[in-house]
């Protein structure tokens, strides 16, 4: 991700790019929800030129199936995590059930990446 900071730090970039990648400029990681958004945009013909560079790197390094696995895991975990970090409370049984689903999704991603 360093290449993005180097290439775009002093450049005027689109609002879409700023919204997606702003954490990288602060040396933070991309959020789960942003990964979901980025991967969904890979097939879009409306992707802006700045974001297209990042998408090209992803497409060169990972096949579509791997990216969809990552997207699915990020979306699912993000949807669970966001309410938990704010107001929702899960019972222990609910937590165990969600943990099983999360581990399954993460294992699928790991299997694809390695």
N, C-alpha and C. Protein backbone atom coordinates (compact mmCIF):
# COMPACT_ATOMS: atom_id res chain seq x y z
N UNK A 1 0.81 -1.19 0.00
CA UNK A 1 0.00 0.00 0.00
C UNK A 1 0.86 1.26 0.00
N UNK A 2 2.15 1.07 0.27
CA UNK A 2 3.03 2.22 0.28
C UNK A 2 3.05 2.93 -1.07
N UNK A 3 2.93 2.16 -2.17
CA UNK A 3 2.94 2.79 -3.49
C UNK A 3 1.81 3.79 -3.64
N UNK A 4 0.67 3.54 -3.00
CA UNK A 4 -0.45 4.49 -3.08
C UNK A 4 -0.10 5.79 -2.37
N UNK A 5 0.48 5.66 -1.18
CA UNK A 5 0.86 6.86 -0.44
C UNK A 5 1.88 7.66 -1.24
N UNK A 6 2.89 6.98 -1.78
CA UNK A 6 3.94 7.65 -2.52
C UNK A 6 3.39 8.32 -3.77
N UNK A 7 2.58 7.59 -4.52
CA UNK A 7 2.08 8.10 -5.80
C UNK A 7 1.04 9.21 -5.62
N UNK A 8 0.20 9.12 -4.60
CA UNK A 8 -0.94 10.02 -4.51
C UNK A 8 -0.89 11.04 -3.37
N UNK A 9 0.13 11.00 -2.53
CA UNK A 9 0.15 11.87 -1.37
C UNK A 9 0.08 13.35 -1.73
N UNK A 10 0.83 13.76 -2.73
CA UNK A 10 0.87 15.17 -3.10
C UNK A 10 0.06 15.47 -4.35
N UNK A 11 -0.78 14.56 -4.76
CA UNK A 11 -1.55 14.71 -5.98
C UNK A 11 -3.01 15.00 -5.66
N UNK A 12 -3.65 15.77 -6.50
CA UNK A 12 -5.10 15.95 -6.39
C UNK A 12 -5.75 14.65 -6.85
N UNK A 13 -6.58 14.08 -6.03
CA UNK A 13 -7.24 12.83 -6.39
C UNK A 13 -8.75 13.01 -6.27
N UNK A 14 -9.47 12.08 -6.86
CA UNK A 14 -10.93 12.16 -6.85
C UNK A 14 -11.48 11.96 -5.43
N UNK A 15 -12.70 12.44 -5.23
CA UNK A 15 -13.36 12.25 -3.93
C UNK A 15 -13.57 10.78 -3.65
N UNK A 16 -13.89 10.00 -4.68
CA UNK A 16 -14.08 8.56 -4.51
C UNK A 16 -12.80 7.92 -3.97
N UNK A 17 -11.68 8.29 -4.55
CA UNK A 17 -10.40 7.75 -4.11
C UNK A 17 -10.11 8.16 -2.67
N UNK A 18 -10.34 9.43 -2.37
CA UNK A 18 -10.10 9.92 -1.00
C UNK A 18 -10.96 9.16 0.01
N UNK A 19 -12.22 8.92 -0.34
CA UNK A 19 -13.10 8.20 0.57
C UNK A 19 -12.66 6.76 0.80
N UNK A 20 -12.21 6.12 -0.25
CA UNK A 20 -11.80 4.72 -0.13
C UNK A 20 -10.46 4.54 0.57
N UNK A 21 -9.52 5.39 0.26
CA UNK A 21 -8.14 5.14 0.66
C UNK A 21 -7.57 6.13 1.68
N UNK A 22 -8.42 6.95 2.27
CA UNK A 22 -7.91 7.97 3.19
C UNK A 22 -7.12 7.39 4.36
N UNK A 23 -7.48 6.21 4.85
CA UNK A 23 -6.75 5.62 5.96
C UNK A 23 -5.30 5.33 5.60
N UNK A 24 -5.04 4.97 4.34
CA UNK A 24 -3.67 4.66 3.94
C UNK A 24 -2.76 5.87 4.04
N UNK A 25 -3.32 7.04 3.81
CA UNK A 25 -2.52 8.26 3.90
C UNK A 25 -2.14 8.57 5.34
N UNK A 26 -2.85 7.97 6.28
CA UNK A 26 -2.57 8.14 7.71
C UNK A 26 -1.89 6.90 8.30
N UNK A 27 -1.37 6.07 7.40
CA UNK A 27 -0.67 4.83 7.76
C UNK A 27 -1.55 3.89 8.59
N UNK A 28 -2.83 3.87 8.26
CA UNK A 28 -3.78 2.94 8.88
C UNK A 28 -4.22 1.95 7.82
N UNK A 29 -4.81 0.86 8.26
CA UNK A 29 -5.30 -0.14 7.30
C UNK A 29 -6.69 0.25 6.80
N UNK A 30 -7.07 -0.36 5.70
CA UNK A 30 -8.41 -0.15 5.16
C UNK A 30 -9.41 -0.90 6.02
N UNK A 31 -10.57 -0.31 6.23
CA UNK A 31 -11.59 -0.97 7.03
C UNK A 31 -12.22 -2.12 6.25
N UNK A 32 -12.88 -3.01 6.95
CA UNK A 32 -13.55 -4.14 6.31
C UNK A 32 -14.58 -3.67 5.29
N UNK A 33 -15.35 -2.67 5.67
CA UNK A 33 -16.38 -2.15 4.77
C UNK A 33 -15.80 -1.55 3.50
N UNK A 34 -14.64 -0.93 3.61
CA UNK A 34 -13.99 -0.34 2.44
C UNK A 34 -13.52 -1.44 1.50
N UNK A 35 -12.97 -2.53 2.04
CA UNK A 35 -12.57 -3.66 1.17
C UNK A 35 -13.77 -4.18 0.39
N UNK A 36 -14.90 -4.29 1.06
CA UNK A 36 -16.13 -4.74 0.40
C UNK A 36 -16.46 -3.79 -0.76
N UNK A 37 -16.40 -2.51 -0.50
CA UNK A 37 -16.70 -1.47 -1.50
C UNK A 37 -15.71 -1.53 -2.67
N UNK A 38 -14.42 -1.64 -2.38
CA UNK A 38 -13.38 -1.68 -3.42
C UNK A 38 -13.59 -2.88 -4.34
N UNK A 39 -13.82 -4.04 -3.75
CA UNK A 39 -13.95 -5.26 -4.57
C UNK A 39 -15.23 -5.22 -5.39
N UNK A 40 -16.31 -4.69 -4.83
CA UNK A 40 -17.54 -4.54 -5.61
C UNK A 40 -17.32 -3.63 -6.81
N UNK A 41 -16.48 -2.62 -6.65
CA UNK A 41 -16.22 -1.65 -7.73
C UNK A 41 -15.32 -2.20 -8.84
N UNK A 42 -14.70 -3.34 -8.64
CA UNK A 42 -13.78 -3.86 -9.65
C UNK A 42 -14.46 -4.07 -11.00
N UNK A 43 -15.71 -4.45 -10.98
CA UNK A 43 -16.43 -4.70 -12.23
C UNK A 43 -17.16 -3.47 -12.76
N UNK A 44 -17.08 -2.39 -12.03
CA UNK A 44 -17.81 -1.19 -12.43
C UNK A 44 -17.11 -0.48 -13.59
N UNK A 45 -17.89 -0.03 -14.54
CA UNK A 45 -17.31 0.76 -15.62
C UNK A 45 -17.25 2.24 -15.22
N UNK A 46 -17.71 2.55 -14.03
CA UNK A 46 -17.71 3.93 -13.55
C UNK A 46 -16.58 4.20 -12.55
N UNK A 47 -15.64 3.26 -12.45
CA UNK A 47 -14.54 3.43 -11.51
C UNK A 47 -13.65 4.59 -11.97
N UNK A 48 -13.23 5.43 -11.03
CA UNK A 48 -12.40 6.57 -11.41
C UNK A 48 -10.97 6.11 -11.68
N UNK A 49 -10.22 6.94 -12.38
CA UNK A 49 -8.85 6.59 -12.82
C UNK A 49 -7.92 6.30 -11.65
N UNK A 50 -8.06 7.06 -10.56
CA UNK A 50 -7.19 6.85 -9.41
C UNK A 50 -7.44 5.50 -8.76
N UNK A 51 -8.69 5.16 -8.58
CA UNK A 51 -9.04 3.88 -7.97
C UNK A 51 -8.72 2.72 -8.90
N UNK A 52 -8.73 2.98 -10.20
CA UNK A 52 -8.43 1.94 -11.18
C UNK A 52 -7.01 1.39 -11.00
N UNK A 53 -6.08 2.23 -10.62
CA UNK A 53 -4.70 1.78 -10.38
C UNK A 53 -4.67 0.72 -9.29
N UNK A 54 -5.34 0.99 -8.21
CA UNK A 54 -5.39 0.03 -7.11
C UNK A 54 -6.09 -1.25 -7.56
N UNK A 55 -7.17 -1.12 -8.28
CA UNK A 55 -7.92 -2.27 -8.78
C UNK A 55 -7.06 -3.12 -9.71
N UNK A 56 -6.26 -2.47 -10.55
CA UNK A 56 -5.37 -3.20 -11.45
C UNK A 56 -4.38 -4.06 -10.68
N UNK A 57 -3.85 -3.51 -9.60
CA UNK A 57 -2.90 -4.27 -8.78
C UNK A 57 -3.60 -5.49 -8.18
N UNK A 58 -4.80 -5.31 -7.68
CA UNK A 58 -5.55 -6.45 -7.12
C UNK A 58 -5.80 -7.52 -8.17
N UNK A 59 -6.26 -7.09 -9.34
CA UNK A 59 -6.62 -8.04 -10.39
C UNK A 59 -5.39 -8.79 -10.93
N UNK A 60 -4.23 -8.16 -10.90
CA UNK A 60 -3.01 -8.81 -11.37
C UNK A 60 -2.51 -9.86 -10.37
N UNK A 61 -2.84 -9.66 -9.09
CA UNK A 61 -2.30 -10.53 -8.05
C UNK A 61 -3.27 -11.59 -7.55
N UNK A 62 -4.56 -11.37 -7.75
CA UNK A 62 -5.56 -12.31 -7.23
C UNK A 62 -6.63 -12.58 -8.27
N UNK A 63 -7.08 -13.82 -8.33
CA UNK A 63 -8.15 -14.14 -9.26
C UNK A 63 -9.49 -13.69 -8.69
N UNK A 64 -10.49 -13.68 -9.55
CA UNK A 64 -11.82 -13.18 -9.18
C UNK A 64 -12.41 -13.95 -8.00
N UNK A 65 -12.22 -15.26 -8.00
CA UNK A 65 -12.76 -16.10 -6.92
C UNK A 65 -12.16 -15.71 -5.56
N UNK A 66 -10.87 -15.44 -5.55
CA UNK A 66 -10.20 -15.03 -4.30
C UNK A 66 -10.75 -13.69 -3.84
N UNK A 67 -10.88 -12.75 -4.76
CA UNK A 67 -11.39 -11.43 -4.40
C UNK A 67 -12.83 -11.51 -3.90
N UNK A 68 -13.64 -12.37 -4.49
CA UNK A 68 -15.02 -12.53 -4.01
C UNK A 68 -15.05 -13.16 -2.62
N UNK A 69 -14.12 -14.07 -2.33
CA UNK A 69 -14.03 -14.65 -0.99
C UNK A 69 -13.67 -13.58 0.03
N UNK A 70 -12.73 -12.73 -0.34
CA UNK A 70 -12.33 -11.63 0.54
C UNK A 70 -13.50 -10.68 0.76
N UNK A 71 -14.19 -10.35 -0.32
CA UNK A 71 -15.33 -9.44 -0.22
C UNK A 71 -16.41 -10.01 0.69
N UNK A 72 -16.73 -11.28 0.50
CA UNK A 72 -17.77 -11.91 1.31
C UNK A 72 -17.40 -11.90 2.79
N UNK A 73 -16.14 -12.25 3.09
CA UNK A 73 -15.69 -12.26 4.48
C UNK A 73 -15.71 -10.86 5.07
N UNK A 74 -15.21 -9.89 4.35
CA UNK A 74 -15.18 -8.50 4.85
C UNK A 74 -16.59 -7.97 5.09
N UNK A 75 -17.48 -8.24 4.17
CA UNK A 75 -18.86 -7.77 4.30
C UNK A 75 -19.54 -8.40 5.52
N UNK A 76 -19.41 -9.71 5.66
CA UNK A 76 -20.06 -10.42 6.76
C UNK A 76 -19.51 -9.97 8.12
N UNK A 77 -18.18 -9.92 8.23
CA UNK A 77 -17.56 -9.55 9.50
C UNK A 77 -17.85 -8.08 9.83
N UNK A 78 -17.82 -7.23 8.82
CA UNK A 78 -18.11 -5.82 9.03
C UNK A 78 -19.54 -5.62 9.54
N UNK A 79 -20.47 -6.33 8.94
CA UNK A 79 -21.88 -6.22 9.37
C UNK A 79 -22.07 -6.68 10.81
N UNK A 80 -21.26 -7.63 11.25
CA UNK A 80 -21.34 -8.08 12.64
C UNK A 80 -20.61 -7.13 13.58
N UNK A 81 -19.45 -6.70 13.16
CA UNK A 81 -18.59 -5.91 14.02
C UNK A 81 -19.14 -4.52 14.29
N UNK A 82 -19.67 -3.86 13.28
CA UNK A 82 -20.11 -2.48 13.46
C UNK A 82 -21.13 -2.30 14.58
N UNK A 83 -22.21 -3.09 14.62
CA UNK A 83 -23.14 -2.93 15.74
C UNK A 83 -22.50 -3.29 17.09
N UNK A 84 -21.61 -4.28 17.09
CA UNK A 84 -20.97 -4.69 18.34
C UNK A 84 -20.11 -3.58 18.92
N UNK A 85 -19.45 -2.85 18.06
CA UNK A 85 -18.57 -1.81 18.57
C UNK A 85 -19.35 -0.58 19.00
N UNK A 86 -20.64 -0.57 18.77
CA UNK A 86 -21.42 0.60 19.15
C UNK A 86 -22.49 0.28 20.20
N UNK A 87 -23.48 -0.56 19.86
CA UNK A 87 -24.59 -0.73 20.82
C UNK A 87 -25.09 -2.16 21.00
N UNK A 88 -24.88 -3.03 20.07
CA UNK A 88 -25.47 -4.36 20.12
C UNK A 88 -24.75 -5.27 21.11
N UNK A 89 -25.51 -6.13 21.74
CA UNK A 89 -24.94 -7.12 22.66
C UNK A 89 -25.41 -8.50 22.21
N UNK A 90 -24.47 -9.44 22.07
CA UNK A 90 -24.79 -10.81 21.69
C UNK A 90 -24.76 -11.71 22.92
N UNK A 91 -25.62 -12.72 22.91
CA UNK A 91 -25.53 -13.75 23.95
C UNK A 91 -24.34 -14.64 23.62
N UNK A 92 -23.91 -15.47 24.57
CA UNK A 92 -22.79 -16.36 24.33
C UNK A 92 -23.11 -17.33 23.20
N UNK A 93 -24.33 -17.86 23.15
CA UNK A 93 -24.71 -18.78 22.07
C UNK A 93 -24.64 -18.09 20.70
N UNK A 94 -25.14 -16.86 20.62
CA UNK A 94 -25.08 -16.11 19.37
C UNK A 94 -23.63 -15.86 18.96
N UNK A 95 -22.82 -15.52 19.93
CA UNK A 95 -21.41 -15.26 19.68
C UNK A 95 -20.70 -16.50 19.14
N UNK A 96 -20.97 -17.65 19.72
CA UNK A 96 -20.36 -18.90 19.26
C UNK A 96 -20.78 -19.21 17.83
N UNK A 97 -22.06 -19.03 17.53
CA UNK A 97 -22.54 -19.28 16.17
C UNK A 97 -21.87 -18.34 15.15
N UNK A 98 -21.76 -17.09 15.51
CA UNK A 98 -21.13 -16.12 14.61
C UNK A 98 -19.64 -16.43 14.47
N UNK A 99 -19.01 -16.85 15.56
CA UNK A 99 -17.58 -17.19 15.53
C UNK A 99 -17.33 -18.31 14.53
N UNK A 100 -18.19 -19.31 14.53
CA UNK A 100 -18.06 -20.43 13.59
C UNK A 100 -18.11 -19.93 12.15
N UNK A 101 -19.07 -19.05 11.85
CA UNK A 101 -19.20 -18.51 10.50
C UNK A 101 -17.98 -17.67 10.12
N UNK A 102 -17.51 -16.87 11.05
CA UNK A 102 -16.36 -16.00 10.78
C UNK A 102 -15.11 -16.85 10.52
N UNK A 103 -14.88 -17.84 11.34
CA UNK A 103 -13.70 -18.69 11.15
C UNK A 103 -13.77 -19.40 9.80
N UNK A 104 -14.94 -19.87 9.42
CA UNK A 104 -15.10 -20.52 8.13
C UNK A 104 -14.75 -19.56 6.99
N UNK A 105 -15.25 -18.34 7.05
CA UNK A 105 -14.96 -17.34 6.01
C UNK A 105 -13.48 -16.98 5.97
N UNK A 106 -12.89 -16.79 7.13
CA UNK A 106 -11.46 -16.44 7.17
C UNK A 106 -10.61 -17.59 6.65
N UNK A 107 -10.96 -18.82 7.01
CA UNK A 107 -10.21 -19.97 6.50
C UNK A 107 -10.28 -20.06 4.98
N UNK A 108 -11.44 -19.75 4.41
CA UNK A 108 -11.57 -19.76 2.95
C UNK A 108 -10.67 -18.70 2.31
N UNK A 109 -10.60 -17.54 2.92
CA UNK A 109 -9.74 -16.48 2.41
C UNK A 109 -8.27 -16.91 2.52
N UNK A 110 -7.88 -17.42 3.66
CA UNK A 110 -6.49 -17.86 3.85
C UNK A 110 -6.12 -18.93 2.84
N UNK A 111 -7.03 -19.87 2.63
CA UNK A 111 -6.79 -20.94 1.66
C UNK A 111 -6.55 -20.36 0.26
N UNK A 112 -7.30 -19.36 -0.12
CA UNK A 112 -7.14 -18.74 -1.44
C UNK A 112 -5.84 -17.96 -1.55
N UNK A 113 -5.48 -17.26 -0.49
CA UNK A 113 -4.29 -16.41 -0.54
C UNK A 113 -3.00 -17.20 -0.44
N UNK A 114 -3.04 -18.31 0.28
CA UNK A 114 -1.80 -19.07 0.47
C UNK A 114 -1.94 -20.41 -0.15
